Structure formats: structure tokens, C-alpha cells
Amino acid sequence: MIKKTEKPQLSNTAKIGLVGHSQGAGVAINAGDGEPNGFNITAVAAMNPYAPNWKDASSQDGPVMLIGGTDDTITPVSTYTQPAWDAIKAGDKGGLITVLQGGDHNSDAWAPPGVDPTTTNFGNYQTITNLWWQFHLNDNISAGRSLKKILDQYPWDTEYEFTPDFQLP
């Protein structure tokens, strides 16, 4: 875990990852718009995403990881499965949707109940988002293997959309 006082080490500044939670996740998905005149977004991680529309969900620059929880009453998984995930699958960049059994909207994205969120990054989403970034931004193949191994087990329920450019080893 990176403490807020530490500077993260940048391995490859030519690669850009976007992450967001709730409305920020909706913005991250819509920002990875596949436009050649903008930034080339390497990958997106969207935690409990919400957006009033998913105008660019199918036009991603890179793969998207959607993360949600079965107990999220603010942005239930069903609110983004049909518009966003279906659009991402229809695009050609791939990605995955993973649902944490018992996961909710805030504590799993910020910090577990009773834990100060300023000392914890992403709660139960911490490990998988770190592996997602290690795989996509640092070309760490072993992180991709570890990510798939975790997401293929309980308490995660995961669906993948693999493409020629996006495969987890």
C-alpha cells in the first residue's frame, strides 16, 4: 500500500490509466473515448460506476475493469451491466466485470467498516486494482496471472471479454 506521504514510482509515463468511483467511474469510462485527438488511455478501472448515459462506453482506447458489489444499493450492478458492460463488450478493446459478493458502494471502494479511509486505499478493491495497473501500466505478466487467479475465486464473480489485445495469462 502506498501511504499518502510517499511519492509513487512512475515506471512508464507513456501509459495512462484512469480510475474512478461512482460518478468518477462514469467519467473515467466516458473519458476513454477512443478519440485519436485526445489522450490514449491505456486502461480504465471503474469502481461502482454511475453515469446518466454511457455515450463512449463502447469506444475505449484500452480495456476496462468494472468493479461492483452485490449489496450496492446506490449503483447496483444491474444499472451498468446492460448499458456500460454490454457496450464495452461490443467494442474491440476488451475488459472484465467483477462483482464482490457482499460488497457495497462505499466501504469496499474506500475502506472496510471501522477503518480510517485516509490510511487505506480502495478497501477490498485495493489488491485487484493494484494488479490491474501493474499488468497494464508496467507490463507485469505475473500481475495479470495473479489478478485472474483472484477474480476466478469466491468472493468474486467475474466475466471476461478477451480480445487479441487483451488477455490475462
Protein backbone atom coordinates (compact mmCIF):
# COMPACT_ATOMS: atom_id res chain seq x y z
CA MET A 1 0.00 0.00 0.00
CA ILE A 2 1.25 3.48 -0.84
CA LYS A 3 0.99 5.87 2.07
CA LYS A 4 -0.24 9.34 1.21
CA THR A 5 3.12 10.83 2.20
CA GLU A 6 5.08 8.65 -0.23
CA LYS A 7 5.55 9.52 -3.88
CA PRO A 8 4.62 6.63 -6.18
CA GLN A 9 7.34 5.46 -8.55
CA LEU A 10 6.41 6.05 -12.17
CA SER A 11 7.57 3.21 -14.38
CA ASN A 12 6.17 4.25 -17.73
CA THR A 13 4.84 7.75 -18.17
CA ALA A 14 3.74 6.98 -21.75
CA LYS A 15 0.89 4.86 -20.38
CA ILE A 16 -2.18 6.44 -18.82
CA GLY A 17 -4.67 4.75 -16.53
CA LEU A 18 -7.95 6.25 -15.39
CA VAL A 19 -9.73 5.21 -12.21
CA GLY A 20 -12.84 6.48 -10.54
CA HIS A 21 -15.52 5.61 -8.05
CA SER A 22 -19.26 6.15 -8.54
CA GLN A 23 -19.74 9.26 -10.71
CA GLY A 24 -15.96 9.46 -11.09
CA ALA A 25 -16.02 5.94 -12.54
CA GLY A 26 -18.66 7.01 -15.04
CA VAL A 27 -16.45 9.92 -16.05
CA ALA A 28 -13.42 7.61 -16.40
CA ILE A 29 -15.38 5.31 -18.73
CA ASN A 30 -16.68 8.20 -20.80
CA ALA A 31 -13.19 9.78 -20.96
CA GLY A 32 -11.64 6.66 -22.53
CA ASP A 33 -13.41 7.65 -25.69
CA GLY A 34 -11.21 6.20 -28.44
CA GLU A 35 -10.71 9.66 -29.98
CA PRO A 36 -7.38 9.97 -31.82
CA ASN A 37 -7.09 13.68 -30.89
CA GLY A 38 -7.19 13.09 -27.13
CA PHE A 39 -5.02 11.15 -24.71
CA ASN A 40 -4.52 7.47 -25.39
CA ILE A 41 -5.94 5.82 -22.27
CA THR A 42 -4.15 2.52 -21.67
CA ALA A 43 -6.76 1.09 -19.28
CA VAL A 44 -9.70 2.11 -17.07
CA ALA A 45 -10.75 0.84 -13.64
CA ALA A 46 -14.30 1.84 -12.73
CA MET A 47 -15.48 1.12 -9.19
CA ASN A 48 -19.27 1.10 -8.66
CA PRO A 49 -19.73 3.22 -11.80
CA TYR A 50 -22.59 5.64 -12.34
CA ALA A 51 -23.33 7.87 -15.32
CA PRO A 52 -26.54 9.40 -16.63
CA ASN A 53 -25.54 7.98 -20.01
CA TRP A 54 -22.74 5.80 -21.32
CA LYS A 55 -22.04 7.68 -24.55
CA ASP A 56 -18.47 6.44 -25.00
CA ALA A 57 -18.54 3.08 -23.24
CA SER A 58 -18.05 1.13 -26.50
CA SER A 59 -15.28 3.43 -27.79
CA GLN A 60 -12.47 2.74 -25.35
CA ASP A 61 -8.76 3.21 -26.01
CA GLY A 62 -7.96 0.16 -23.86
CA PRO A 63 -9.57 -2.46 -21.65
CA VAL A 64 -11.97 -1.56 -18.84
CA MET A 65 -12.34 -3.26 -15.46
CA LEU A 66 -15.78 -2.68 -13.93
CA ILE A 67 -15.93 -3.45 -10.20
CA GLY A 68 -19.12 -3.67 -8.18
CA GLY A 69 -20.74 -5.31 -5.20
CA THR A 70 -23.87 -7.38 -4.71
CA ASP A 71 -25.01 -5.20 -1.80
CA ASP A 72 -24.53 -1.82 -3.51
CA THR A 73 -27.89 -0.03 -3.26
CA ILE A 74 -26.58 3.27 -4.68
CA THR A 75 -25.33 1.95 -8.05
CA PRO A 76 -26.48 -1.66 -8.22
CA VAL A 77 -24.57 -3.78 -10.72
CA SER A 78 -27.72 -4.00 -12.87
CA THR A 79 -27.56 -0.22 -13.52
CA TYR A 80 -24.35 -0.54 -15.52
CA THR A 81 -24.34 -4.14 -16.71
CA GLN A 82 -26.71 -3.57 -19.58
CA PRO A 83 -25.65 -0.18 -20.86
CA ALA A 84 -21.94 0.04 -20.00
CA TRP A 85 -20.70 -3.56 -19.87
CA ASP A 86 -22.65 -4.58 -22.97
CA ALA A 87 -21.20 -1.57 -24.82
CA ILE A 88 -17.66 -2.35 -23.65
CA LYS A 89 -18.04 -5.95 -24.86
CA ALA A 90 -19.26 -4.67 -28.22
CA GLY A 91 -16.10 -2.55 -28.59
CA ASP A 92 -12.83 -4.17 -29.57
CA LYS A 93 -10.66 -3.39 -26.51
CA GLY A 94 -11.99 -5.94 -24.00
CA GLY A 95 -12.16 -5.89 -20.26
CA LEU A 96 -13.92 -7.51 -17.37
CA ILE A 97 -16.74 -7.02 -14.93
CA THR A 98 -16.24 -8.38 -11.45
CA VAL A 99 -18.73 -8.39 -8.60
CA LEU A 100 -17.75 -8.78 -4.95
CA GLN A 101 -20.22 -10.97 -3.08
CA GLY A 102 -21.49 -8.86 -0.17
CA GLY A 103 -19.70 -5.76 -1.47
CA ASP A 104 -21.33 -2.37 -1.04
CA HIS A 105 -20.92 1.08 -2.56
CA ASN A 106 -18.55 2.82 -0.17
CA SER A 107 -16.68 0.62 2.30
CA ASP A 108 -15.31 -1.74 -0.37
CA ALA A 109 -14.13 1.14 -2.54
CA TRP A 110 -12.81 3.34 0.27
CA ALA A 111 -12.09 1.31 3.39
CA PRO A 112 -13.66 -1.54 5.36
CA PRO A 113 -16.06 -0.52 8.15
CA GLY A 114 -14.23 0.87 11.16
CA VAL A 115 -11.03 1.61 9.22
CA ASP A 116 -9.94 5.19 8.59
CA PRO A 117 -10.14 5.64 4.79
CA THR A 118 -7.16 8.02 4.85
CA THR A 119 -4.96 5.04 5.83
CA THR A 120 -6.40 2.55 3.31
CA ASN A 121 -6.61 2.70 -0.45
CA PHE A 122 -9.73 1.21 -2.06
CA GLY A 123 -10.69 -1.19 0.77
CA ASN A 124 -11.42 -4.62 -0.70
CA TYR A 125 -10.73 -3.29 -4.21
CA GLN A 126 -7.09 -2.49 -3.34
CA THR A 127 -5.42 -5.72 -4.42
CA ILE A 128 -7.23 -6.17 -7.71
CA THR A 129 -6.78 -2.54 -8.80
CA ASN A 130 -3.07 -2.69 -7.96
CA LEU A 131 -2.70 -5.86 -10.04
CA TRP A 132 -4.73 -4.31 -12.89
CA TRP A 133 -2.34 -1.33 -13.00
CA GLN A 134 0.80 -3.46 -12.65
CA PHE A 135 -0.37 -5.57 -15.59
CA HIS A 136 -1.45 -2.72 -17.89
CA LEU A 137 0.86 0.12 -16.98
CA ASN A 138 4.03 -1.81 -16.10
CA ASP A 139 3.64 -4.84 -18.41
CA ASN A 140 3.87 -7.16 -15.42
CA ILE A 141 2.66 -10.55 -16.73
CA SER A 142 2.75 -12.15 -13.30
CA ALA A 143 0.35 -9.45 -12.00
CA GLY A 144 -2.07 -10.45 -14.76
CA ARG A 145 -1.86 -14.08 -13.67
CA SER A 146 -2.44 -13.12 -10.04
CA LEU A 147 -5.38 -10.90 -10.95
CA LYS A 148 -7.11 -13.68 -12.89
CA LYS A 149 -6.45 -16.19 -10.12
CA ILE A 150 -8.07 -13.90 -7.52
CA LEU A 151 -11.03 -12.95 -9.72
CA ASP A 152 -11.78 -16.58 -10.60
CA GLN A 153 -12.43 -17.41 -6.93
CA TYR A 154 -15.04 -16.61 -4.32
CA PRO A 155 -15.96 -13.91 -3.22
CA TRP A 156 -15.57 -12.55 -6.78
CA ASP A 157 -17.90 -13.34 -9.68
CA THR A 158 -16.16 -12.31 -12.91
CA GLU A 159 -16.97 -12.19 -16.60
CA TYR A 160 -14.19 -11.51 -19.11
CA GLU A 161 -14.24 -10.10 -22.61
CA PHE A 162 -10.91 -11.14 -24.09
CA THR A 163 -9.70 -9.71 -27.39
CA PRO A 164 -6.49 -10.18 -29.36
CA ASP A 165 -5.05 -7.17 -27.47
CA PHE A 166 -6.43 -8.04 -24.02
CA GLN A 167 -5.76 -11.42 -22.48
CA LEU A 168 -4.92 -12.31 -18.92
CA PRO A 169 -2.29 -15.06 -18.81
